[in-house]
Protein backbone atom coordinates (compact mmCIF):
# COMPACT_ATOMS: atom_id res chain seq x y z
CA MET A 1 25.76 47.75 44.07
CA ASN A 2 23.93 44.43 43.80
CA ASN A 3 20.46 44.41 45.41
CA ASP A 4 19.31 41.03 44.08
CA ILE A 5 17.38 38.99 46.59
CA SER A 6 17.96 35.29 46.41
CA ILE A 7 14.73 33.31 46.72
CA PRO A 8 15.24 29.71 47.72
CA ARG A 9 13.65 27.31 45.29
CA ALA A 10 11.57 24.44 46.50
CA GLY A 11 12.89 21.11 45.36
CA THR A 12 11.32 17.73 45.37
CA PHE A 13 11.96 15.54 48.35
CA GLU A 14 12.13 11.79 47.95
CA PRO A 15 12.36 9.89 51.21
CA ILE A 16 15.19 7.45 51.47
CA MET A 17 13.68 5.24 54.19
CA VAL A 18 9.96 4.80 54.80
CA GLN A 19 7.66 2.71 56.95
CA PRO A 20 5.68 -0.19 55.49
CA LYS A 21 2.47 1.89 55.56
CA ASP A 22 4.16 4.36 53.21
CA ILE A 23 5.20 1.55 50.85
CA VAL A 24 1.52 0.54 50.75
CA SER A 25 0.51 3.97 49.46
CA MET A 26 3.56 4.50 47.21
CA PHE A 27 3.20 1.20 45.34
CA SER A 28 -0.56 0.63 45.73
CA ILE A 29 -0.11 -2.80 47.25
CA SER A 30 -1.74 -4.27 50.35
CA ARG A 31 -0.16 -4.29 53.80
CA SER A 32 -0.08 -8.08 53.79
CA THR A 33 1.85 -8.04 50.51
CA VAL A 34 4.37 -5.62 52.01
CA THR A 35 4.78 -7.91 55.03
CA ARG A 36 5.30 -10.92 52.75
CA LEU A 37 7.86 -9.03 50.65
CA ILE A 38 9.72 -7.89 53.78
CA SER A 39 9.98 -11.54 54.88
CA LYS A 40 11.34 -12.54 51.46
CA ILE A 41 13.78 -9.61 51.38
CA LEU A 42 15.18 -10.57 54.79
CA LEU A 43 16.04 -14.01 53.38
CA ASP A 44 17.83 -12.53 50.35
CA ASP A 45 21.46 -11.61 51.14
CA LYS A 46 21.62 -9.14 48.25
CA TYR A 47 18.70 -7.04 49.55
CA LYS A 48 18.79 -7.77 53.29
CA SER A 49 20.26 -4.32 54.03
CA CYS A 50 17.10 -2.78 52.51
CA ILE A 51 15.23 -3.46 55.77
CA THR A 52 16.12 -1.74 59.04
CA ARG A 53 14.39 -2.80 62.24
CA LEU A 54 14.70 -0.04 64.82
CA ASN A 55 12.62 -2.00 67.33
CA ARG A 56 9.93 -4.67 67.33
CA ASN A 57 7.27 -2.32 65.97
CA LEU A 58 9.27 0.05 63.77
CA VAL A 59 10.60 -1.13 60.42
CA LEU A 60 12.15 1.15 57.84
CA ILE A 61 12.55 0.24 54.19
CA ASP A 62 15.00 1.73 51.71
CA VAL A 63 12.73 2.85 48.85
CA GLN A 64 15.33 2.55 46.07
CA MET A 65 16.45 -0.92 47.11
CA PHE A 66 12.82 -2.03 47.51
CA THR A 67 12.10 -0.82 43.98
CA ASN A 68 15.17 -2.67 42.70
CA TYR A 69 14.00 -5.83 44.50
CA LEU A 70 10.59 -5.63 42.84
CA LYS A 71 12.19 -5.14 39.42
CA ASP A 72 14.57 -8.05 40.04
CA GLN A 73 11.68 -10.31 41.06
CA ASP A 74 9.70 -9.25 37.99
CA LEU A 75 12.61 -10.08 35.68
CA LYS A 76 13.20 -13.37 37.48
CA GLY A 77 9.56 -14.31 36.85
CA LEU A 78 9.91 -13.49 33.16
CA LYS A 79 13.01 -15.69 32.76
CA GLU A 80 11.26 -18.80 34.09
């Protein structure tokens, strides 16, 4: 007879989509920088799907794609 009790383990949770205010705290950048980057991302066809506007005041950002955009911009600056 098996009397083992299974205890659920807590895992780490990484949000997929966050608001700009969360990007500010995650990346330690200013809100105005986030707004500027959102504007640039919306003009870039490769990363445009990173930004989701649910309404005029609510914007969600895909964290992984945002990180990839920042890395891509960093590498682009190094190549120049």
